[in-house]
């Protein structure tokens, strides 16, 4: 089974399909943020669309990976941010479902696509060529994003969840720590089992 999964993950046709899916998802994600970006101060623009930027990192990784190349800083940013924001969006939609009683088809689509983001980040983990410096930069990026979101108030707008902003900020910080920890674990594992 593991050999079959590895075969699929490395198949050029599958990689190209995954690249296209991630590219389209990234574009859709930036469109989804359009209304929030229109009222965001210019200095914060790069930090607001968290999920599409995470999938952009992975899309860039895939493009290089298809051609047998590695971009370790992008790979470190991909694993930390894809896992973090993939899980974050699933949890926020579940929380919205509990509070509002429904999230509509779009909410379920967001849950499925964001779970897929986190999953693909982990599935391609054995192929990342990341070292300490790459993970350190990614750690600064994700923690800095938390500061921009919860200190400067630039987090995504999620209707009634604004009432739980302190708890969400606390959860997000620790999710960042877990994501960084996973990246360091992957770094060490790959260093001991080079491909």
C-alpha atoms as a PDB file:
ATOM      1  CA  UNK A   1       0.000   0.000   0.000  1.00  0.00           C
ATOM      2  CA  UNK A   2       2.814   2.414   0.898  1.00  0.00           C
ATOM      3  CA  UNK A   3       4.549   1.624  -2.410  1.00  0.00           C
ATOM      4  CA  UNK A   4       1.322   2.356  -4.295  1.00  0.00           C
ATOM      5  CA  UNK A   5       0.880   5.695  -2.495  1.00  0.00           C
ATOM      6  CA  UNK A   6       4.510   6.599  -3.235  1.00  0.00           C
ATOM      7  CA  UNK A   7       4.030   5.637  -6.887  1.00  0.00           C
ATOM      8  CA  UNK A   8       0.950   7.865  -7.171  1.00  0.00           C
ATOM      9  CA  UNK A   9       2.595  10.796  -5.367  1.00  0.00           C
ATOM     10  CA  UNK A  10       5.594  10.685  -7.717  1.00  0.00           C
ATOM     11  CA  UNK A  11       3.664  10.050 -10.939  1.00  0.00           C
ATOM     12  CA  UNK A  12       4.188  13.043 -13.280  1.00  0.00           C
ATOM     13  CA  UNK A  13       0.548  13.070 -14.399  1.00  0.00           C
ATOM     14  CA  UNK A  14      -0.649  13.122 -10.793  1.00  0.00           C
ATOM     15  CA  UNK A  15       1.843  15.867  -9.921  1.00  0.00           C
ATOM     16  CA  UNK A  16       0.647  18.002 -12.831  1.00  0.00           C
ATOM     17  CA  UNK A  17      -2.990  17.439 -11.820  1.00  0.00           C
ATOM     18  CA  UNK A  18      -2.169  18.359  -8.224  1.00  0.00           C
ATOM     19  CA  UNK A  19      -0.305  21.446  -9.439  1.00  0.00           C
ATOM     20  CA  UNK A  20      -3.345  22.594 -11.464  1.00  0.00           C
ATOM     21  CA  UNK A  21      -5.740  21.923  -8.564  1.00  0.00           C
ATOM     22  CA  UNK A  22      -3.532  23.874  -6.159  1.00  0.00           C
ATOM     23  CA  UNK A  23      -3.055  26.718  -8.630  1.00  0.00           C
ATOM     24  CA  UNK A  24      -6.809  27.062  -9.169  1.00  0.00           C
ATOM     25  CA  UNK A  25      -7.442  26.754  -5.433  1.00  0.00           C
ATOM     26  CA  UNK A  26      -4.867  29.458  -4.764  1.00  0.00           C
ATOM     27  CA  UNK A  27      -6.499  31.808  -7.270  1.00  0.00           C
ATOM     28  CA  UNK A  28      -9.943  31.094  -5.776  1.00  0.00           C
ATOM     29  CA  UNK A  29      -8.529  31.724  -2.303  1.00  0.00           C
ATOM     30  CA  UNK A  30      -7.225  35.165  -3.224  1.00  0.00           C
ATOM     31  CA  UNK A  31     -10.609  35.979  -4.805  1.00  0.00           C
ATOM     32  CA  UNK A  32     -12.324  34.825  -1.572  1.00  0.00           C
ATOM     33  CA  UNK A  33     -10.211  37.361   0.354  1.00  0.00           C
ATOM     34  CA  UNK A  34     -10.950  40.180  -2.114  1.00  0.00           C
ATOM     35  CA  UNK A  35     -13.441  42.041   0.088  1.00  0.00           C
ATOM     36  CA  UNK A  36     -11.147  41.902   3.109  1.00  0.00           C
ATOM     37  CA  UNK A  37      -8.086  42.867   1.074  1.00  0.00           C
ATOM     38  CA  UNK A  38      -9.942  45.918  -0.286  1.00  0.00           C
ATOM     39  CA  UNK A  39     -10.066  47.404   3.244  1.00  0.00           C
ATOM     40  CA  UNK A  40      -6.668  46.131   4.432  1.00  0.00           C
ATOM     41  CA  UNK A  41      -3.854  48.696   4.869  1.00  0.00           C
ATOM     42  CA  UNK A  42      -1.156  48.188   2.243  1.00  0.00           C
ATOM     43  CA  UNK A  43       1.516  47.253   4.783  1.00  0.00           C
ATOM     44  CA  UNK A  44      -0.521  44.180   5.838  1.00  0.00           C
ATOM     45  CA  UNK A  45      -1.689  42.972   2.407  1.00  0.00           C
ATOM     46  CA  UNK A  46       0.863  40.162   2.055  1.00  0.00           C
ATOM     47  CA  UNK A  47      -0.038  38.735   5.475  1.00  0.00           C
ATOM     48  CA  UNK A  48      -3.857  38.654   5.274  1.00  0.00           C
ATOM     49  CA  UNK A  49      -4.666  35.893   2.728  1.00  0.00           C
ATOM     50  CA  UNK A  50      -3.176  33.091   4.843  1.00  0.00           C
ATOM     51  CA  UNK A  51      -4.570  29.966   3.164  1.00  0.00           C
ATOM     52  CA  UNK A  52      -4.057  31.002  -0.470  1.00  0.00           C
ATOM     53  CA  UNK A  53      -0.501  32.074   0.308  1.00  0.00           C
ATOM     54  CA  UNK A  54       0.100  28.698   1.973  1.00  0.00           C
ATOM     55  CA  UNK A  55      -1.243  26.878  -1.099  1.00  0.00           C
ATOM     56  CA  UNK A  56       0.850  29.196  -3.301  1.00  0.00           C
ATOM     57  CA  UNK A  57       3.974  27.983  -1.479  1.00  0.00           C
ATOM     58  CA  UNK A  58       2.938  24.381  -2.136  1.00  0.00           C
ATOM     59  CA  UNK A  59       2.086  25.134  -5.769  1.00  0.00           C
ATOM     60  CA  UNK A  60       5.596  26.547  -6.252  1.00  0.00           C
ATOM     61  CA  UNK A  61       7.042  23.444  -4.544  1.00  0.00           C
ATOM     62  CA  UNK A  62       5.083  21.217  -6.935  1.00  0.00           C
ATOM     63  CA  UNK A  63       6.239  23.142  -9.999  1.00  0.00           C
ATOM     64  CA  UNK A  64       9.889  22.672  -9.051  1.00  0.00           C
ATOM     65  CA  UNK A  65       9.332  19.087  -7.861  1.00  0.00           C
ATOM     66  CA  UNK A  66       7.849  18.107 -11.235  1.00  0.00           C
ATOM     67  CA  UNK A  67      11.189  19.086 -12.789  1.00  0.00           C
ATOM     68  CA  UNK A  68      13.242  17.360 -10.086  1.00  0.00           C
ATOM     69  CA  UNK A  69      14.299  20.593  -8.385  1.00  0.00           C
ATOM     70  CA  UNK A  70      14.073  21.697  -4.764  1.00  0.00           C
ATOM     71  CA  UNK A  71      13.413  25.095  -3.193  1.00  0.00           C
ATOM     72  CA  UNK A  72      13.959  24.439   0.540  1.00  0.00           C
ATOM     73  CA  UNK A  73      12.716  27.808   1.843  1.00  0.00           C
ATOM     74  CA  UNK A  74       9.477  27.358  -0.100  1.00  0.00           C
ATOM     75  CA  UNK A  75       9.226  23.747   1.109  1.00  0.00           C
ATOM     76  CA  UNK A  76       9.593  24.836   4.746  1.00  0.00           C
ATOM     77  CA  UNK A  77       7.013  27.596   4.252  1.00  0.00           C
ATOM     78  CA  UNK A  78       4.703  25.097   2.549  1.00  0.00           C
ATOM     79  CA  UNK A  79       4.778  22.461   5.309  1.00  0.00           C
ATOM     80  CA  UNK A  80       4.357  24.928   8.177  1.00  0.00           C
ATOM     81  CA  UNK A  81       1.702  27.155   6.636  1.00  0.00           C
ATOM     82  CA  UNK A  82      -0.235  24.453   4.743  1.00  0.00           C
ATOM     83  CA  UNK A  83      -0.610  22.275   7.812  1.00  0.00           C
ATOM     84  CA  UNK A  84      -1.375  25.252  10.067  1.00  0.00           C
ATOM     85  CA  UNK A  85      -3.993  26.939   7.900  1.00  0.00           C
ATOM     86  CA  UNK A  86      -5.433  23.678   6.647  1.00  0.00           C
ATOM     87  CA  UNK A  87      -6.210  22.556  10.195  1.00  0.00           C
ATOM     88  CA  UNK A  88      -7.133  26.097  11.299  1.00  0.00           C
ATOM     89  CA  UNK A  89      -9.840  26.475   8.633  1.00  0.00           C
ATOM     90  CA  UNK A  90     -11.331  23.069   9.424  1.00  0.00           C
ATOM     91  CA  UNK A  91     -11.534  23.933  13.132  1.00  0.00           C
ATOM     92  CA  UNK A  92     -13.017  27.395  12.419  1.00  0.00           C
ATOM     93  CA  UNK A  93     -15.696  25.912  10.171  1.00  0.00           C
ATOM     94  CA  UNK A  94     -16.562  23.255  12.750  1.00  0.00           C
ATOM     95  CA  UNK A  95     -16.807  26.003  15.370  1.00  0.00           C
ATOM     96  CA  UNK A  96     -19.008  28.082  13.049  1.00  0.00           C
ATOM     97  CA  UNK A  97     -21.210  25.028  12.481  1.00  0.00           C
ATOM     98  CA  UNK A  98     -21.619  24.565  16.251  1.00  0.00           C
ATOM     99  CA  UNK A  99     -22.473  28.228  16.824  1.00  0.00           C
ATOM    100  CA  UNK A 100     -24.683  28.907  13.787  1.00  0.00           C
ATOM    101  CA  UNK A 101     -26.077  25.425  13.201  1.00  0.00           C
ATOM    102  CA  UNK A 102     -25.128  25.431   9.501  1.00  0.00           C
ATOM    103  CA  UNK A 103     -22.285  26.492   7.219  1.00  0.00           C
ATOM    104  CA  UNK A 104     -23.786  25.791   3.780  1.00  0.00           C
ATOM    105  CA  UNK A 105     -22.136  23.929   0.938  1.00  0.00           C
ATOM    106  CA  UNK A 106     -19.328  26.466   0.766  1.00  0.00           C
ATOM    107  CA  UNK A 107     -18.376  25.801   4.379  1.00  0.00           C
ATOM    108  CA  UNK A 108     -18.177  22.062   3.771  1.00  0.00           C
ATOM    109  CA  UNK A 109     -16.190  22.650   0.583  1.00  0.00           C
ATOM    110  CA  UNK A 110     -13.768  24.844   2.548  1.00  0.00           C
ATOM    111  CA  UNK A 111     -13.427  22.150   5.212  1.00  0.00           C
ATOM    112  CA  UNK A 112     -12.662  19.441   2.636  1.00  0.00           C
ATOM    113  CA  UNK A 113     -10.221  21.568   0.630  1.00  0.00           C
ATOM    114  CA  UNK A 114      -8.379  22.804   3.712  1.00  0.00           C
ATOM    115  CA  UNK A 115      -8.132  19.313   5.156  1.00  0.00           C
ATOM    116  CA  UNK A 116      -6.647  18.348   1.779  1.00  0.00           C
ATOM    117  CA  UNK A 117      -4.115  21.160   2.171  1.00  0.00           C
ATOM    118  CA  UNK A 118      -2.886  19.806   5.486  1.00  0.00           C
ATOM    119  CA  UNK A 119      -2.880  16.228   4.193  1.00  0.00           C
ATOM    120  CA  UNK A 120      -0.859  16.957   1.044  1.00  0.00           C
ATOM    121  CA  UNK A 121       1.701  18.886   3.091  1.00  0.00           C
ATOM    122  CA  UNK A 122       2.297  15.729   5.146  1.00  0.00           C
ATOM    123  CA  UNK A 123       2.151  13.293   2.214  1.00  0.00           C
ATOM    124  CA  UNK A 124       4.999  15.098   0.449  1.00  0.00           C
ATOM    125  CA  UNK A 125       7.008  15.550   3.652  1.00  0.00           C
ATOM    126  CA  UNK A 126       9.521  12.773   2.811  1.00  0.00           C
ATOM    127  CA  UNK A 127      10.560  14.713  -0.296  1.00  0.00           C
ATOM    128  CA  UNK A 128      11.352  18.072   1.319  1.00  0.00           C
ATOM    129  CA  UNK A 129      15.038  19.035   1.446  1.00  0.00           C
ATOM    130  CA  UNK A 130      14.768  21.383   4.409  1.00  0.00           C
ATOM    131  CA  UNK A 131      17.408  22.299   6.955  1.00  0.00           C
ATOM    132  CA  UNK A 132      17.359  24.275  10.194  1.00  0.00           C
ATOM    133  CA  UNK A 133      17.707  27.690   8.519  1.00  0.00           C
ATOM    134  CA  UNK A 134      14.753  26.977   6.216  1.00  0.00           C
ATOM    135  CA  UNK A 135      12.490  25.937   9.082  1.00  0.00           C
ATOM    136  CA  UNK A 136      13.660  28.922  11.162  1.00  0.00           C
ATOM    137  CA  UNK A 137      12.560  31.346   8.416  1.00  0.00           C
ATOM    138  CA  UNK A 138       9.228  29.523   8.077  1.00  0.00           C
ATOM    139  CA  UNK A 139       8.770  29.696  11.869  1.00  0.00           C
ATOM    140  CA  UNK A 140       9.315  33.455  11.817  1.00  0.00           C
ATOM    141  CA  UNK A 141       6.804  33.759   8.974  1.00  0.00           C
ATOM    142  CA  UNK A 142       3.973  31.824  10.677  1.00  0.00           C
ATOM    143  CA  UNK A 143       4.513  33.441  14.100  1.00  0.00           C
ATOM    144  CA  UNK A 144       4.752  36.888  12.527  1.00  0.00           C
ATOM    145  CA  UNK A 145       1.451  36.158  10.768  1.00  0.00           C
ATOM    146  CA  UNK A 146      -0.122  35.448  14.164  1.00  0.00           C
ATOM    147  CA  UNK A 147       1.044  38.835  15.429  1.00  0.00           C
ATOM    148  CA  UNK A 148      -0.344  40.599  12.347  1.00  0.00           C
ATOM    149  CA  UNK A 149      -3.646  38.725  12.685  1.00  0.00           C
ATOM    150  CA  UNK A 150      -4.276  38.946  16.425  1.00  0.00           C
ATOM    151  CA  UNK A 151      -2.303  41.993  17.573  1.00  0.00           C
ATOM    152  CA  UNK A 152      -3.061  44.225  14.578  1.00  0.00           C
ATOM    153  CA  UNK A 153      -6.516  42.710  13.973  1.00  0.00           C
ATOM    154  CA  UNK A 154      -5.979  41.437  10.419  1.00  0.00           C
ATOM    155  CA  UNK A 155      -7.357  37.909  10.911  1.00  0.00           C
ATOM    156  CA  UNK A 156      -9.933  36.523   8.463  1.00  0.00           C
ATOM    157  CA  UNK A 157     -13.499  37.633   9.206  1.00  0.00           C
ATOM    158  CA  UNK A 158     -15.638  34.696  10.357  1.00  0.00           C
ATOM    159  CA  UNK A 159     -19.029  36.162  11.365  1.00  0.00           C
ATOM    160  CA  UNK A 160     -19.899  35.207  14.960  1.00  0.00           C
ATOM    161  CA  UNK A 161     -16.412  33.890  15.719  1.00  0.00           C
ATOM    162  CA  UNK A 162     -15.312  37.465  16.434  1.00  0.00           C
ATOM    163  CA  UNK A 163     -16.795  36.892  19.909  1.00  0.00           C
ATOM    164  CA  UNK A 164     -14.122  34.248  20.529  1.00  0.00           C
ATOM    165  CA  UNK A 165     -11.163  36.140  19.086  1.00  0.00           C
ATOM    166  CA  UNK A 166      -8.955  35.766  22.181  1.00  0.00           C
ATOM    167  CA  UNK A 167      -9.485  32.022  22.336  1.00  0.00           C
ATOM    168  CA  UNK A 168      -8.954  31.692  18.573  1.00  0.00           C
ATOM    169  CA  UNK A 169      -5.738  33.710  18.794  1.00  0.00           C
ATOM    170  CA  UNK A 170      -4.488  31.457  21.598  1.00  0.00           C
ATOM    171  CA  UNK A 171      -5.408  28.322  19.629  1.00  0.00           C
ATOM    172  CA  UNK A 172      -3.742  29.715  16.492  1.00  0.00           C
ATOM    173  CA  UNK A 173      -0.491  30.447  18.321  1.00  0.00           C
ATOM    174  CA  UNK A 174      -0.238  26.863  19.575  1.00  0.00           C
ATOM    175  CA  UNK A 175      -1.215  25.509  16.160  1.00  0.00           C
ATOM    176  CA  UNK A 176       1.734  27.491  14.789  1.00  0.00           C
ATOM    177  CA  UNK A 177       4.011  25.883  17.377  1.00  0.00           C
ATOM    178  CA  UNK A 178       2.743  22.411  16.418  1.00  0.00           C
ATOM    179  CA  UNK A 179       3.264  23.186  12.707  1.00  0.00           C
ATOM    180  CA  UNK A 180       6.817  24.368  13.354  1.00  0.00           C
ATOM    181  CA  UNK A 181       7.440  21.261  15.478  1.00  0.00           C
ATOM    182  CA  UNK A 182       6.235  19.043  12.618  1.00  0.00           C
ATOM    183  CA  UNK A 183       8.589  20.833  10.217  1.00  0.00           C
ATOM    184  CA  UNK A 184      11.547  20.255  12.570  1.00  0.00           C
ATOM    185  CA  UNK A 185      10.542  16.604  12.975  1.00  0.00           C
ATOM    186  CA  UNK A 186      10.369  16.190   9.177  1.00  0.00           C
ATOM    187  CA  UNK A 187      13.753  17.922   8.836  1.00  0.00           C
ATOM    188  CA  UNK A 188      15.372  15.492  11.279  1.00  0.00           C
ATOM    189  CA  UNK A 189      13.646  12.436   9.796  1.00  0.00           C
ATOM    190  CA  UNK A 190      14.664  13.351   6.238  1.00  0.00           C
ATOM    191  CA  UNK A 191      18.241  14.038   7.337  1.00  0.00           C
ATOM    192  CA  UNK A 192      18.435  10.506   8.776  1.00  0.00           C
ATOM    193  CA  UNK A 193      16.652   8.915   5.786  1.00  0.00           C
ATOM    194  CA  UNK A 194      17.781  10.859   2.704  1.00  0.00           C
ATOM    195  CA  UNK A 195      15.954  10.106  -0.575  1.00  0.00           C
END
